[in-house]
Amino acid sequence: GRRHLVRDTLHVLASRLDPAEFVRVHRSHAVRIDRIRRLEPCGHGEYELTMADGTKLTSSRSYREQVRRLLG
């Protein structure tokens, strides 16, 4: 329930996160892997992620390889 203000780009922030725990799925989203509850292909290299709190995110084609690694 806490929020933190970070004055950095997501690119810089994501590079500091542990890749075993976090994955970048969109230019606007990096998510904690263990919080992903469902992962469904949407077509055209995109995936819909359902998070533990019910939030739904759509990955972008640019990050499809990172998302595919989650499936393997």
PDB file of N, CA and C in Angstrom:
ATOM      1  N   GLY A   1       0.790  -1.201   0.000  1.00  0.00           N
ATOM      2  CA  GLY A   1       0.000   0.000   0.000  1.00  0.00           C
ATOM      3  C   GLY A   1       0.830   1.262   0.000  1.00  0.00           C
ATOM      4  N   ARG A   2       2.143   1.136  -0.019  1.00  0.00           N
ATOM      5  CA  ARG A   2       2.990   2.342  -0.022  1.00  0.00           C
ATOM      6  C   ARG A   2       3.394   2.701  -1.442  1.00  0.00           C
ATOM      7  N   ARG A   3       3.640   3.963  -1.641  1.00  0.00           N
ATOM      8  CA  ARG A   3       4.109   4.437  -2.952  1.00  0.00           C
ATOM      9  C   ARG A   3       5.446   5.137  -2.775  1.00  0.00           C
ATOM     10  N   HIS A   4       6.264   5.065  -3.825  1.00  0.00           N
ATOM     11  CA  HIS A   4       7.568   5.711  -3.805  1.00  0.00           C
ATOM     12  C   HIS A   4       7.706   6.542  -5.061  1.00  0.00           C
ATOM     13  N   LEU A   5       8.204   7.740  -4.922  1.00  0.00           N
ATOM     14  CA  LEU A   5       8.437   8.612  -6.068  1.00  0.00           C
ATOM     15  C   LEU A   5       9.868   8.410  -6.536  1.00  0.00           C
ATOM     16  N   VAL A   6      10.029   8.066  -7.802  1.00  0.00           N
ATOM     17  CA  VAL A   6      11.346   7.859  -8.397  1.00  0.00           C
ATOM     18  C   VAL A   6      11.464   8.809  -9.573  1.00  0.00           C
ATOM     19  N   ARG A   7      12.488   9.614  -9.557  1.00  0.00           N
ATOM     20  CA  ARG A   7      12.692  10.565 -10.647  1.00  0.00           C
ATOM     21  C   ARG A   7      13.780  10.037 -11.583  1.00  0.00           C
ATOM     22  N   ASP A   8      13.426   9.012 -12.296  1.00  0.00           N
ATOM     23  CA  ASP A   8      14.315   8.384 -13.261  1.00  0.00           C
ATOM     24  C   ASP A   8      13.456   7.794 -14.365  1.00  0.00           C
ATOM     25  N   THR A   9      14.067   7.474 -15.481  1.00  0.00           N
ATOM     26  CA  THR A   9      13.308   6.826 -16.548  1.00  0.00           C
ATOM     27  C   THR A   9      13.075   5.362 -16.169  1.00  0.00           C
ATOM     28  N   LEU A  10      12.077   4.765 -16.772  1.00  0.00           N
ATOM     29  CA  LEU A  10      11.809   3.354 -16.515  1.00  0.00           C
ATOM     30  C   LEU A  10      12.974   2.496 -17.006  1.00  0.00           C
ATOM     31  N   HIS A  11      13.620   2.930 -18.060  1.00  0.00           N
ATOM     32  CA  HIS A  11      14.790   2.201 -18.569  1.00  0.00           C
ATOM     33  C   HIS A  11      15.876   2.110 -17.499  1.00  0.00           C
ATOM     34  N   VAL A  12      16.169   3.211 -16.855  1.00  0.00           N
ATOM     35  CA  VAL A  12      17.203   3.230 -15.809  1.00  0.00           C
ATOM     36  C   VAL A  12      16.751   2.404 -14.613  1.00  0.00           C
ATOM     37  N   LEU A  13      15.512   2.581 -14.207  1.00  0.00           N
ATOM     38  CA  LEU A  13      14.990   1.825 -13.074  1.00  0.00           C
ATOM     39  C   LEU A  13      15.011   0.323 -13.358  1.00  0.00           C
ATOM     40  N   ALA A  14      14.539  -0.088 -14.525  1.00  0.00           N
ATOM     41  CA  ALA A  14      14.493  -1.506 -14.880  1.00  0.00           C
ATOM     42  C   ALA A  14      15.896  -2.112 -14.932  1.00  0.00           C
ATOM     43  N   SER A  15      16.877  -1.348 -15.329  1.00  0.00           N
ATOM     44  CA  SER A  15      18.247  -1.865 -15.389  1.00  0.00           C
ATOM     45  C   SER A  15      18.807  -2.132 -13.992  1.00  0.00           C
ATOM     46  N   ARG A  16      18.237  -1.506 -12.965  1.00  0.00           N
ATOM     47  CA  ARG A  16      18.685  -1.723 -11.586  1.00  0.00           C
ATOM     48  C   ARG A  16      17.913  -2.843 -10.891  1.00  0.00           C
ATOM     49  N   LEU A  17      16.826  -3.319 -11.499  1.00  0.00           N
ATOM     50  CA  LEU A  17      16.020  -4.382 -10.897  1.00  0.00           C
ATOM     51  C   LEU A  17      16.617  -5.748 -11.200  1.00  0.00           C
ATOM     52  N   ASP A  18      16.406  -6.688 -10.309  1.00  0.00           N
ATOM     53  CA  ASP A  18      16.887  -8.061 -10.490  1.00  0.00           C
ATOM     54  C   ASP A  18      16.084  -8.732 -11.603  1.00  0.00           C
ATOM     55  N   PRO A  19      16.720  -9.141 -12.703  1.00  0.00           N
ATOM     56  CA  PRO A  19      15.990  -9.762 -13.808  1.00  0.00           C
ATOM     57  C   PRO A  19      15.376 -11.110 -13.445  1.00  0.00           C
ATOM     58  N   ALA A  20      15.773 -11.705 -12.333  1.00  0.00           N
ATOM     59  CA  ALA A  20      15.149 -12.937 -11.878  1.00  0.00           C
ATOM     60  C   ALA A  20      13.811 -12.660 -11.201  1.00  0.00           C
ATOM     61  N   GLU A  21      13.585 -11.394 -10.812  1.00  0.00           N
ATOM     62  CA  GLU A  21      12.357 -11.018 -10.113  1.00  0.00           C
ATOM     63  C   GLU A  21      11.431 -10.106 -10.923  1.00  0.00           C
ATOM     64  N   PHE A  22      11.998  -9.332 -11.840  1.00  0.00           N
ATOM     65  CA  PHE A  22      11.217  -8.354 -12.598  1.00  0.00           C
ATOM     66  C   PHE A  22      11.428  -8.529 -14.087  1.00  0.00           C
ATOM     67  N   VAL A  23      10.403  -8.180 -14.861  1.00  0.00           N
ATOM     68  CA  VAL A  23      10.511  -8.236 -16.319  1.00  0.00           C
ATOM     69  C   VAL A  23       9.837  -6.989 -16.898  1.00  0.00           C
ATOM     70  N   ARG A  24      10.457  -6.452 -17.916  1.00  0.00           N
ATOM     71  CA  ARG A  24       9.875  -5.321 -18.627  1.00  0.00           C
ATOM     72  C   ARG A  24       8.958  -5.886 -19.700  1.00  0.00           C
ATOM     73  N   VAL A  25       7.695  -5.438 -19.727  1.00  0.00           N
ATOM     74  CA  VAL A  25       6.723  -5.981 -20.667  1.00  0.00           C
ATOM     75  C   VAL A  25       6.174  -4.925 -21.622  1.00  0.00           C
ATOM     76  N   HIS A  26       6.511  -3.673 -21.366  1.00  0.00           N
ATOM     77  CA  HIS A  26       5.989  -2.562 -22.171  1.00  0.00           C
ATOM     78  C   HIS A  26       6.857  -1.354 -21.870  1.00  0.00           C
ATOM     79  N   ARG A  27       6.851  -0.379 -22.731  1.00  0.00           N
ATOM     80  CA  ARG A  27       7.678   0.812 -22.462  1.00  0.00           C
ATOM     81  C   ARG A  27       7.231   1.528 -21.193  1.00  0.00           C
ATOM     82  N   SER A  28       6.010   1.263 -20.755  1.00  0.00           N
ATOM     83  CA  SER A  28       5.476   1.897 -19.553  1.00  0.00           C
ATOM     84  C   SER A  28       5.348   0.957 -18.362  1.00  0.00           C
ATOM     85  N   HIS A  29       5.718  -0.322 -18.523  1.00  0.00           N
ATOM     86  CA  HIS A  29       5.478  -1.296 -17.456  1.00  0.00           C
ATOM     87  C   HIS A  29       6.646  -2.250 -17.259  1.00  0.00           C
ATOM     88  N   ALA A  30       7.088  -2.340 -16.022  1.00  0.00           N
ATOM     89  CA  ALA A  30       7.973  -3.416 -15.572  1.00  0.00           C
ATOM     90  C   ALA A  30       7.225  -4.056 -14.412  1.00  0.00           C
ATOM     91  N   VAL A  31       7.155  -5.380 -14.391  1.00  0.00           N
ATOM     92  CA  VAL A  31       6.342  -6.043 -13.370  1.00  0.00           C
ATOM     93  C   VAL A  31       7.157  -7.083 -12.622  1.00  0.00           C
ATOM     94  N   ARG A  32       6.727  -7.337 -11.408  1.00  0.00           N
ATOM     95  CA  ARG A  32       7.338  -8.391 -10.597  1.00  0.00           C
ATOM     96  C   ARG A  32       6.767  -9.728 -11.075  1.00  0.00           C
ATOM     97  N   ILE A  33       7.634 -10.640 -11.443  1.00  0.00           N
ATOM     98  CA  ILE A  33       7.232 -11.901 -12.063  1.00  0.00           C
ATOM     99  C   ILE A  33       6.292 -12.701 -11.172  1.00  0.00           C
ATOM    100  N   ASP A  34       6.562 -12.745  -9.884  1.00  0.00           N
ATOM    101  CA  ASP A  34       5.722 -13.571  -9.004  1.00  0.00           C
ATOM    102  C   ASP A  34       4.337 -12.985  -8.759  1.00  0.00           C
ATOM    103  N   ARG A  35       4.078 -11.781  -9.254  1.00  0.00           N
ATOM    104  CA  ARG A  35       2.754 -11.159  -9.136  1.00  0.00           C
ATOM    105  C   ARG A  35       1.894 -11.409 -10.371  1.00  0.00           C
ATOM    106  N   ILE A  36       2.471 -12.027 -11.418  1.00  0.00           N
ATOM    107  CA  ILE A  36       1.705 -12.360 -12.622  1.00  0.00           C
ATOM    108  C   ILE A  36       0.899 -13.623 -12.336  1.00  0.00           C
ATOM    109  N   ARG A  37      -0.411 -13.545 -12.508  1.00  0.00           N
ATOM    110  CA  ARG A  37      -1.280 -14.688 -12.255  1.00  0.00           C
ATOM    111  C   ARG A  37      -1.706 -15.397 -13.538  1.00  0.00           C
ATOM    112  N   ARG A  38      -1.772 -14.647 -14.620  1.00  0.00           N
ATOM    113  CA  ARG A  38      -2.222 -15.229 -15.889  1.00  0.00           C
ATOM    114  C   ARG A  38      -1.523 -14.504 -17.034  1.00  0.00           C
ATOM    115  N   LEU A  39      -1.196 -15.266 -18.055  1.00  0.00           N
ATOM    116  CA  LEU A  39      -0.503 -14.727 -19.223  1.00  0.00           C
ATOM    117  C   LEU A  39      -1.137 -15.354 -20.450  1.00  0.00           C
ATOM    118  N   GLU A  40      -1.781 -14.526 -21.290  1.00  0.00           N
ATOM    119  CA  GLU A  40      -2.487 -15.032 -22.461  1.00  0.00           C
ATOM    120  C   GLU A  40      -2.039 -14.303 -23.717  1.00  0.00           C
ATOM    121  N   PRO A  41      -1.778 -15.041 -24.803  1.00  0.00           N
ATOM    122  CA  PRO A  41      -1.434 -14.380 -26.066  1.00  0.00           C
ATOM    123  C   PRO A  41      -2.643 -13.633 -26.627  1.00  0.00           C
ATOM    124  N   CYS A  42      -2.388 -12.455 -27.162  1.00  0.00           N
ATOM    125  CA  CYS A  42      -3.451 -11.632 -27.766  1.00  0.00           C
ATOM    126  C   CYS A  42      -3.325 -11.590 -29.282  1.00  0.00           C
ATOM    127  N   GLY A  43      -2.236 -12.109 -29.809  1.00  0.00           N
ATOM    128  CA  GLY A  43      -1.979 -12.022 -31.237  1.00  0.00           C
ATOM    129  C   GLY A  43      -0.999 -10.914 -31.535  1.00  0.00           C
ATOM    130  N   HIS A  44      -0.374 -10.980 -32.680  1.00  0.00           N
ATOM    131  CA  HIS A  44       0.592  -9.977 -33.131  1.00  0.00           C
ATOM    132  C   HIS A  44       1.752  -9.794 -32.158  1.00  0.00           C
ATOM    133  N   GLY A  45       2.085 -10.846 -31.374  1.00  0.00           N
ATOM    134  CA  GLY A  45       3.210 -10.765 -30.453  1.00  0.00           C
ATOM    135  C   GLY A  45       2.911 -10.079 -29.142  1.00  0.00           C
ATOM    136  N   GLU A  46       1.654  -9.768 -28.895  1.00  0.00           N
ATOM    137  CA  GLU A  46       1.268  -9.130 -27.637  1.00  0.00           C
ATOM    138  C   GLU A  46       0.661 -10.168 -26.697  1.00  0.00           C
ATOM    139  N   TYR A  47       0.757  -9.896 -25.396  1.00  0.00           N
ATOM    140  CA  TYR A  47       0.197 -10.772 -24.379  1.00  0.00           C
ATOM    141  C   TYR A  47      -0.597  -9.938 -23.383  1.00  0.00           C
ATOM    142  N   GLU A  48      -1.649 -10.537 -22.838  1.00  0.00           N
ATOM    143  CA  GLU A  48      -2.376  -9.891 -21.751  1.00  0.00           C
ATOM    144  C   GLU A  48      -1.923 -10.532 -20.450  1.00  0.00           C
ATOM    145  N   LEU A  49      -1.483  -9.707 -19.520  1.00  0.00           N
ATOM    146  CA  LEU A  49      -1.046 -10.170 -18.213  1.00  0.00           C
ATOM    147  C   LEU A  49      -2.115  -9.798 -17.205  1.00  0.00           C
ATOM    148  N   THR A  50      -2.490 -10.743 -16.374  1.00  0.00           N
ATOM    149  CA  THR A  50      -3.383 -10.464 -15.257  1.00  0.00           C
ATOM    150  C   THR A  50      -2.530 -10.568 -14.003  1.00  0.00           C
ATOM    151  N   MET A  51      -2.509  -9.482 -13.245  1.00  0.00           N
ATOM    152  CA  MET A  51      -1.691  -9.415 -12.054  1.00  0.00           C
ATOM    153  C   MET A  51      -2.469  -9.930 -10.839  1.00  0.00           C
ATOM    154  N   ALA A  52      -1.774 -10.174  -9.751  1.00  0.00           N
ATOM    155  CA  ALA A  52      -2.379 -10.727  -8.535  1.00  0.00           C
ATOM    156  C   ALA A  52      -3.515  -9.856  -8.004  1.00  0.00           C
ATOM    157  N   ASP A  53      -3.437  -8.546  -8.201  1.00  0.00           N
ATOM    158  CA  ASP A  53      -4.491  -7.654  -7.707  1.00  0.00           C
ATOM    159  C   ASP A  53      -5.631  -7.473  -8.707  1.00  0.00           C
ATOM    160  N   GLY A  54      -5.578  -8.217  -9.824  1.00  0.00           N
ATOM    161  CA  GLY A  54      -6.622  -8.139 -10.840  1.00  0.00           C
ATOM    162  C   GLY A  54      -6.340  -7.161 -11.968  1.00  0.00           C
ATOM    163  N   THR A  55      -5.300  -6.360 -11.844  1.00  0.00           N
ATOM    164  CA  THR A  55      -4.925  -5.414 -12.890  1.00  0.00           C
ATOM    165  C   THR A  55      -4.575  -6.180 -14.161  1.00  0.00           C
ATOM    166  N   LYS A  56      -5.045  -5.693 -15.294  1.00  0.00           N
ATOM    167  CA  LYS A  56      -4.717  -6.298 -16.586  1.00  0.00           C
ATOM    168  C   LYS A  56      -3.812  -5.336 -17.351  1.00  0.00           C
ATOM    169  N   LEU A  57      -2.723  -5.874 -17.876  1.00  0.00           N
ATOM    170  CA  LEU A  57      -1.773  -5.112 -18.673  1.00  0.00           C
ATOM    171  C   LEU A  57      -1.579  -5.818 -20.002  1.00  0.00           C
ATOM    172  N   THR A  58      -1.296  -5.059 -21.025  1.00  0.00           N
ATOM    173  CA  THR A  58      -0.973  -5.652 -22.324  1.00  0.00           C
ATOM    174  C   THR A  58       0.491  -5.375 -22.611  1.00  0.00           C
ATOM    175  N   SER A  59       1.218  -6.434 -22.909  1.00  0.00           N
ATOM    176  CA  SER A  59       2.622  -6.264 -23.267  1.00  0.00           C
ATOM    177  C   SER A  59       2.693  -5.727 -24.692  1.00  0.00           C
ATOM    178  N   SER A  60       3.834  -5.190 -25.035  1.00  0.00           N
ATOM    179  CA  SER A  60       4.008  -4.706 -26.407  1.00  0.00           C
ATOM    180  C   SER A  60       4.874  -5.674 -27.190  1.00  0.00           C
ATOM    181  N   ARG A  61       4.790  -5.576 -28.494  1.00  0.00           N
ATOM    182  CA  ARG A  61       5.579  -6.454 -29.372  1.00  0.00           C
ATOM    183  C   ARG A  61       7.072  -6.267 -29.137  1.00  0.00           C
ATOM    184  N   SER A  62       7.476  -5.069 -28.776  1.00  0.00           N
ATOM    185  CA  SER A  62       8.900  -4.797 -28.544  1.00  0.00           C
ATOM    186  C   SER A  62       9.483  -5.647 -27.426  1.00  0.00           C
ATOM    187  N   TYR A  63       8.643  -6.068 -26.497  1.00  0.00           N
ATOM    188  CA  TYR A  63       9.105  -6.839 -25.341  1.00  0.00           C
ATOM    189  C   TYR A  63       8.617  -8.287 -25.384  1.00  0.00           C
ATOM    190  N   ARG A  64       8.210  -8.764 -26.549  1.00  0.00           N
ATOM    191  CA  ARG A  64       7.630 -10.110 -26.640  1.00  0.00           C
ATOM    192  C   ARG A  64       8.625 -11.203 -26.259  1.00  0.00           C
ATOM    193  N   GLU A  65       9.912 -11.022 -26.563  1.00  0.00           N
ATOM    194  CA  GLU A  65      10.885 -12.059 -26.208  1.00  0.00           C
ATOM    195  C   GLU A  65      11.016 -12.196 -24.691  1.00  0.00           C
ATOM    196  N   GLN A  66      10.978 -11.081 -23.970  1.00  0.00           N
ATOM    197  CA  GLN A  66      11.040 -11.142 -22.510  1.00  0.00           C
ATOM    198  C   GLN A  66       9.829 -11.870 -21.954  1.00  0.00           C
ATOM    199  N   VAL A  67       8.656 -11.626 -22.532  1.00  0.00           N
ATOM    200  CA  VAL A  67       7.426 -12.276 -22.071  1.00  0.00           C
ATOM    201  C   VAL A  67       7.450 -13.762 -22.440  1.00  0.00           C
ATOM    202  N   ARG A  68       7.926 -14.085 -23.626  1.00  0.00           N
ATOM    203  CA  ARG A  68       7.987 -15.494 -24.042  1.00  0.00           C
ATOM    204  C   ARG A  68       8.885 -16.309 -23.111  1.00  0.00           C
ATOM    205  N   ARG A  69       9.936 -15.704 -22.597  1.00  0.00           N
ATOM    206  CA  ARG A  69      10.826 -16.407 -21.663  1.00  0.00           C
ATOM    207  C   ARG A  69      10.081 -16.812 -20.401  1.00  0.00           C
ATOM    208  N   LEU A  70       9.058 -16.043 -20.038  1.00  0.00           N
ATOM    209  CA  LEU A  70       8.252 -16.387 -18.869  1.00  0.00           C
ATOM    210  C   LEU A  70       7.462 -17.666 -19.102  1.00  0.00           C
ATOM    211  N   LEU A  71       7.114 -17.934 -20.350  1.00  0.00           N
ATOM    212  CA  LEU A  71       6.319 -19.107 -20.690  1.00  0.00           C
ATOM    213  C   LEU A  71       7.162 -20.375 -20.699  1.00  0.00           C
ATOM    214  N   GLY A  72       8.461 -20.233 -20.923  1.00  0.00           N
ATOM    215  CA  GLY A  72       9.338 -21.393 -21.069  1.00  0.00           C
ATOM    216  C   GLY A  72       9.797 -21.925 -19.810  1.00  0.00           C
TER     217      GLY A  72
END
